[in-house]
PDB file of N, CA and C in Angstrom:
ATOM      1  N   UNK A   1      30.939   8.804  45.614  1.00  0.00           N
ATOM      2  CA  UNK A   1      30.715   7.685  45.242  1.00  0.00           C
ATOM      3  C   UNK A   1      30.525   6.930  43.331  1.00  0.00           C
ATOM      4  N   UNK A   2      31.100   7.426  42.300  1.00  0.00           N
ATOM      5  CA  UNK A   2      30.910   6.760  41.136  1.00  0.00           C
ATOM      6  C   UNK A   2      30.647   5.649  41.247  1.00  0.00           C
ATOM      7  N   UNK A   3      29.293   4.969  40.642  1.00  0.00           N
ATOM      8  CA  UNK A   3      29.030   3.483  40.009  1.00  0.00           C
ATOM      9  C   UNK A   3      29.348   3.149  38.354  1.00  0.00           C
ATOM     10  N   UNK A   4      30.038   2.264  38.151  1.00  0.00           N
ATOM     11  CA  UNK A   4      31.048   2.186  36.978  1.00  0.00           C
ATOM     12  C   UNK A   4      29.721   1.627  36.587  1.00  0.00           C
ATOM     13  N   UNK A   5      28.736   1.086  36.599  1.00  0.00           N
ATOM     14  CA  UNK A   5      27.600  -0.107  36.385  1.00  0.00           C
ATOM     15  C   UNK A   5      26.110   1.298  36.269  1.00  0.00           C
ATOM     16  N   UNK A   6      26.233   1.819  36.892  1.00  0.00           N
ATOM     17  CA  UNK A   6      24.908   2.753  36.416  1.00  0.00           C
ATOM     18  C   UNK A   6      25.461   3.975  35.317  1.00  0.00           C
ATOM     19  N   UNK A   7      24.890   3.431  34.023  1.00  0.00           N
ATOM     20  CA  UNK A   7      24.854   3.448  32.865  1.00  0.00           C
ATOM     21  C   UNK A   7      23.395   3.218  32.126  1.00  0.00           C
ATOM     22  N   UNK A   8      23.618   4.125  31.142  1.00  0.00           N
ATOM     23  CA  UNK A   8      22.164   4.341  30.626  1.00  0.00           C
ATOM     24  C   UNK A   8      22.922   3.657  29.214  1.00  0.00           C
ATOM     25  N   UNK A   9      21.296   2.566  29.048  1.00  0.00           N
ATOM     26  CA  UNK A   9      21.299   1.221  27.890  1.00  0.00           C
ATOM     27  C   UNK A   9      20.378   2.118  26.978  1.00  0.00           C
ATOM     28  N   UNK A  10      20.513   3.123  26.887  1.00  0.00           N
ATOM     29  CA  UNK A  10      19.295   4.295  25.685  1.00  0.00           C
ATOM     30  C   UNK A  10      20.775   4.408  24.528  1.00  0.00           C
ATOM     31  N   UNK A  11      19.496   3.806  23.181  1.00  0.00           N
ATOM     32  CA  UNK A  11      20.526   4.357  21.799  1.00  0.00           C
ATOM     33  C   UNK A  11      19.736   5.175  21.103  1.00  0.00           C
ATOM     34  N   UNK A  12      19.760   6.092  20.713  1.00  0.00           N
ATOM     35  CA  UNK A  12      18.838   6.869  20.115  1.00  0.00           C
ATOM     36  C   UNK A  12      19.133   6.787  18.564  1.00  0.00           C
ATOM     37  N   UNK A  13      20.355   6.560  18.475  1.00  0.00           N
ATOM     38  CA  UNK A  13      20.439   5.302  16.827  1.00  0.00           C
ATOM     39  C   UNK A  13      19.879   4.481  16.556  1.00  0.00           C
ATOM     40  N   UNK A  14      20.010   3.514  17.774  1.00  0.00           N
ATOM     41  CA  UNK A  14      19.891   1.855  17.801  1.00  0.00           C
ATOM     42  C   UNK A  14      17.903   1.975  17.472  1.00  0.00           C
ATOM     43  N   UNK A  15      17.083   2.968  18.325  1.00  0.00           N
ATOM     44  CA  UNK A  15      15.657   3.135  18.570  1.00  0.00           C
ATOM     45  C   UNK A  15      15.285   3.491  17.300  1.00  0.00           C
ATOM     46  N   UNK A  16      15.597   4.535  16.797  1.00  0.00           N
ATOM     47  CA  UNK A  16      15.300   4.661  14.880  1.00  0.00           C
ATOM     48  C   UNK A  16      15.908   3.558  14.633  1.00  0.00           C
ATOM     49  N   UNK A  17      16.788   3.300  14.437  1.00  0.00           N
ATOM     50  CA  UNK A  17      16.590   1.686  13.874  1.00  0.00           C
ATOM     51  C   UNK A  17      15.184   0.737  13.986  1.00  0.00           C
ATOM     52  N   UNK A  18      15.371   0.288  15.320  1.00  0.00           N
ATOM     53  CA  UNK A  18      13.580  -0.279  15.257  1.00  0.00           C
ATOM     54  C   UNK A  18      12.396   0.338  15.032  1.00  0.00           C
ATOM     55  N   UNK A  19      12.218   0.937  15.177  1.00  0.00           N
ATOM     56  CA  UNK A  19      11.214   2.250  14.796  1.00  0.00           C
ATOM     57  C   UNK A  19      10.989   2.199  13.161  1.00  0.00           C
ATOM     58  N   UNK A  20      11.822   2.173  11.818  1.00  0.00           N
ATOM     59  CA  UNK A  20      12.145   2.016  10.828  1.00  0.00           C
ATOM     60  C   UNK A  20      11.779   0.463  10.190  1.00  0.00           C
ATOM     61  N   UNK A  21      12.387  -0.058  11.586  1.00  0.00           N
ATOM     62  CA  UNK A  21      11.961  -1.916  10.867  1.00  0.00           C
ATOM     63  C   UNK A  21      10.419  -2.191  11.455  1.00  0.00           C
ATOM     64  N   UNK A  22      10.151  -1.709  12.008  1.00  0.00           N
ATOM     65  CA  UNK A  22       9.197  -1.740  12.845  1.00  0.00           C
ATOM     66  C   UNK A  22       7.966  -1.323  12.099  1.00  0.00           C
ATOM     67  N   UNK A  23       8.454   0.166  11.732  1.00  0.00           N
ATOM     68  CA  UNK A  23       7.133   0.103  10.234  1.00  0.00           C
ATOM     69  C   UNK A  23       7.720  -0.164   8.667  1.00  0.00           C
ATOM     70  N   UNK A  24       8.342  -0.904   8.238  1.00  0.00           N
ATOM     71  CA  UNK A  24       8.753  -1.731   7.173  1.00  0.00           C
ATOM     72  C   UNK A  24       7.898  -3.299   7.541  1.00  0.00           C
ATOM     73  N   UNK A  25       8.403  -3.945   8.996  1.00  0.00           N
ATOM     74  CA  UNK A  25       7.613  -4.812   9.087  1.00  0.00           C
ATOM     75  C   UNK A  25       6.039  -4.843   8.824  1.00  0.00           C
ATOM     76  N   UNK A  26       5.375  -3.767   9.418  1.00  0.00           N
ATOM     77  CA  UNK A  26       3.978  -3.334   9.440  1.00  0.00           C
ATOM     78  C   UNK A  26       3.322  -3.590   8.321  1.00  0.00           C
ATOM     79  N   UNK A  27       4.082  -2.396   7.277  1.00  0.00           N
ATOM     80  CA  UNK A  27       3.497  -2.149   5.708  1.00  0.00           C
ATOM     81  C   UNK A  27       3.546  -3.896   5.236  1.00  0.00           C
ATOM     82  N   UNK A  28       4.338  -4.098   5.453  1.00  0.00           N
ATOM     83  CA  UNK A  28       4.226  -5.820   4.485  1.00  0.00           C
ATOM     84  C   UNK A  28       3.790  -6.268   4.971  1.00  0.00           C
ATOM     85  N   UNK A  29       3.144  -6.770   6.301  1.00  0.00           N
ATOM     86  CA  UNK A  29       1.807  -7.560   6.890  1.00  0.00           C
ATOM     87  C   UNK A  29       0.913  -7.509   6.334  1.00  0.00           C
ATOM     88  N   UNK A  30       0.782  -5.629   5.481  1.00  0.00           N
ATOM     89  CA  UNK A  30      -0.374  -5.866   6.101  1.00  0.00           C
ATOM     90  C   UNK A  30      -0.792  -4.822   4.110  1.00  0.00           C
ATOM     91  N   UNK A  31      -0.117  -5.567   3.871  1.00  0.00           N
ATOM     92  CA  UNK A  31       0.326  -5.715   1.898  1.00  0.00           C
ATOM     93  C   UNK A  31       0.065  -7.177   1.584  1.00  0.00           C
ATOM     94  N   UNK A  32      -0.686  -6.998   0.860  1.00  0.00           N
ATOM     95  CA  UNK A  32      -1.291  -7.981  -0.144  1.00  0.00           C
ATOM     96  C   UNK A  32      -0.573  -8.183  -1.562  1.00  0.00           C
ATOM     97  N   UNK A  33       0.741  -7.740  -1.524  1.00  0.00           N
ATOM     98  CA  UNK A  33       1.834  -7.474  -2.742  1.00  0.00           C
ATOM     99  C   UNK A  33       3.418  -7.263  -2.237  1.00  0.00           C
ATOM    100  N   UNK A  34       4.042  -7.886  -2.866  1.00  0.00           N
ATOM    101  CA  UNK A  34       5.317  -6.582  -2.853  1.00  0.00           C
ATOM    102  C   UNK A  34       5.359  -5.801  -2.409  1.00  0.00           C
ATOM    103  N   UNK A  35       5.643  -5.143  -1.292  1.00  0.00           N
ATOM    104  CA  UNK A  35       6.498  -3.538  -1.356  1.00  0.00           C
ATOM    105  C   UNK A  35       6.717  -3.726  -2.308  1.00  0.00           C
ATOM    106  N   UNK A  36       7.285  -2.291  -3.305  1.00  0.00           N
ATOM    107  CA  UNK A  36       7.809  -1.872  -4.245  1.00  0.00           C
ATOM    108  C   UNK A  36       9.045  -0.766  -3.845  1.00  0.00           C
ATOM    109  N   UNK A  37       9.958  -0.865  -4.268  1.00  0.00           N
ATOM    110  CA  UNK A  37      11.111  -0.112  -3.973  1.00  0.00           C
ATOM    111  C   UNK A  37      10.887   1.575  -3.805  1.00  0.00           C
ATOM    112  N   UNK A  38       9.919   1.985  -4.193  1.00  0.00           N
ATOM    113  CA  UNK A  38       9.965   3.344  -3.859  1.00  0.00           C
ATOM    114  C   UNK A  38       8.421   3.500  -2.645  1.00  0.00           C
ATOM    115  N   UNK A  39       7.763   2.418  -2.773  1.00  0.00           N
ATOM    116  CA  UNK A  39       6.670   2.322  -1.412  1.00  0.00           C
ATOM    117  C   UNK A  39       7.764   2.057   0.132  1.00  0.00           C
ATOM    118  N   UNK A  40       8.801   1.377  -0.434  1.00  0.00           N
ATOM    119  CA  UNK A  40      10.046   0.822   1.367  1.00  0.00           C
ATOM    120  C   UNK A  40      10.622   2.696   0.927  1.00  0.00           C
ATOM    121  N   UNK A  41      11.162   3.218   0.103  1.00  0.00           N
ATOM    122  CA  UNK A  41      12.135   4.390   0.627  1.00  0.00           C
ATOM    123  C   UNK A  41      10.267   5.492   0.669  1.00  0.00           C
ATOM    124  N   UNK A  42       9.618   5.890   0.763  1.00  0.00           N
ATOM    125  CA  UNK A  42       9.155   6.328   1.369  1.00  0.00           C
ATOM    126  C   UNK A  42       8.117   6.286   3.014  1.00  0.00           C
ATOM    127  N   UNK A  43       8.608   4.881   3.363  1.00  0.00           N
ATOM    128  CA  UNK A  43       8.443   4.408   4.573  1.00  0.00           C
ATOM    129  C   UNK A  43       9.342   4.807   5.694  1.00  0.00           C
ATOM    130  N   UNK A  44      10.629   4.861   4.839  1.00  0.00           N
ATOM    131  CA  UNK A  44      11.669   5.329   5.450  1.00  0.00           C
ATOM    132  C   UNK A  44      12.230   7.002   4.922  1.00  0.00           C
ATOM    133  N   UNK A  45      11.550   8.396   4.768  1.00  0.00           N
ATOM    134  CA  UNK A  45      11.541   8.745   4.370  1.00  0.00           C
ATOM    135  C   UNK A  45      12.873   8.781   3.707  1.00  0.00           C
ATOM    136  N   UNK A  46      12.817   8.158   1.844  1.00  0.00           N
ATOM    137  CA  UNK A  46      14.747   8.311   1.303  1.00  0.00           C
ATOM    138  C   UNK A  46      13.871  10.096   0.321  1.00  0.00           C
ATOM    139  N   UNK A  47      14.937  10.333   0.521  1.00  0.00           N
ATOM    140  CA  UNK A  47      14.533  11.640  -0.438  1.00  0.00           C
ATOM    141  C   UNK A  47      15.488  11.478  -1.943  1.00  0.00           C
ATOM    142  N   UNK A  48      15.022  10.653  -2.580  1.00  0.00           N
ATOM    143  CA  UNK A  48      16.165  10.199  -3.806  1.00  0.00           C
ATOM    144  C   UNK A  48      16.571  11.793  -4.598  1.00  0.00           C
ATOM    145  N   UNK A  49      17.972  11.886  -5.071  1.00  0.00           N
ATOM    146  CA  UNK A  49      18.170  12.189  -5.407  1.00  0.00           C
ATOM    147  C   UNK A  49      18.778  12.878  -6.908  1.00  0.00           C
ATOM    148  N   UNK A  50      18.125  13.993  -6.982  1.00  0.00           N
ATOM    149  CA  UNK A  50      17.979  14.327  -8.715  1.00  0.00           C
ATOM    150  C   UNK A  50      18.460  14.349  -9.359  1.00  0.00           C
ATOM    151  N   UNK A  51      17.556  14.140 -10.826  1.00  0.00           N
ATOM    152  CA  UNK A  51      18.387  13.354 -11.889  1.00  0.00           C
ATOM    153  C   UNK A  51      19.663  14.194 -12.683  1.00  0.00           C
ATOM    154  N   UNK A  52      20.730  14.031 -13.096  1.00  0.00           N
ATOM    155  CA  UNK A  52      21.455  14.474 -13.872  1.00  0.00           C
ATOM    156  C   UNK A  52      21.365  14.306 -14.845  1.00  0.00           C
ATOM    157  N   UNK A  53      21.240  16.054 -15.115  1.00  0.00           N
ATOM    158  CA  UNK A  53      21.840  15.657 -17.013  1.00  0.00           C
ATOM    159  C   UNK A  53      22.321  14.684 -17.237  1.00  0.00           C
ATOM    160  N   UNK A  54      22.023  14.175 -18.942  1.00  0.00           N
ATOM    161  CA  UNK A  54      23.476  13.333 -18.787  1.00  0.00           C
ATOM    162  C   UNK A  54      23.242  14.255 -20.827  1.00  0.00           C
ATOM    163  N   UNK A  55      23.723  15.338 -20.945  1.00  0.00           N
ATOM    164  CA  UNK A  55      24.196  15.200 -21.579  1.00  0.00           C
ATOM    165  C   UNK A  55      25.303  16.130 -21.707  1.00  0.00           C
ATOM    166  N   UNK A  56      25.877  16.565 -20.300  1.00  0.00           N
ATOM    167  CA  UNK A  56      26.983  16.857 -19.506  1.00  0.00           C
ATOM    168  C   UNK A  56      27.777  18.515 -19.206  1.00  0.00           C
ATOM    169  N   UNK A  57      26.290  18.582 -20.145  1.00  0.00           N
ATOM    170  CA  UNK A  57      26.839  20.206 -19.724  1.00  0.00           C
ATOM    171  C   UNK A  57      26.324  21.197 -17.983  1.00  0.00           C
TER     172      UNK A  57
END
């Protein structure tokens, strides 16, 4: 018989978010200065979008 309460409580997305948050907390606590946006982006693995040519071509 299937037990409706026998479910896994592991959520991969949530675990990933907790890991990223933990990484930021550790980096901030080890830094003497505020983290720059570039440092935060690097810690989070953010890849900046390439700049578009503003000449419109």
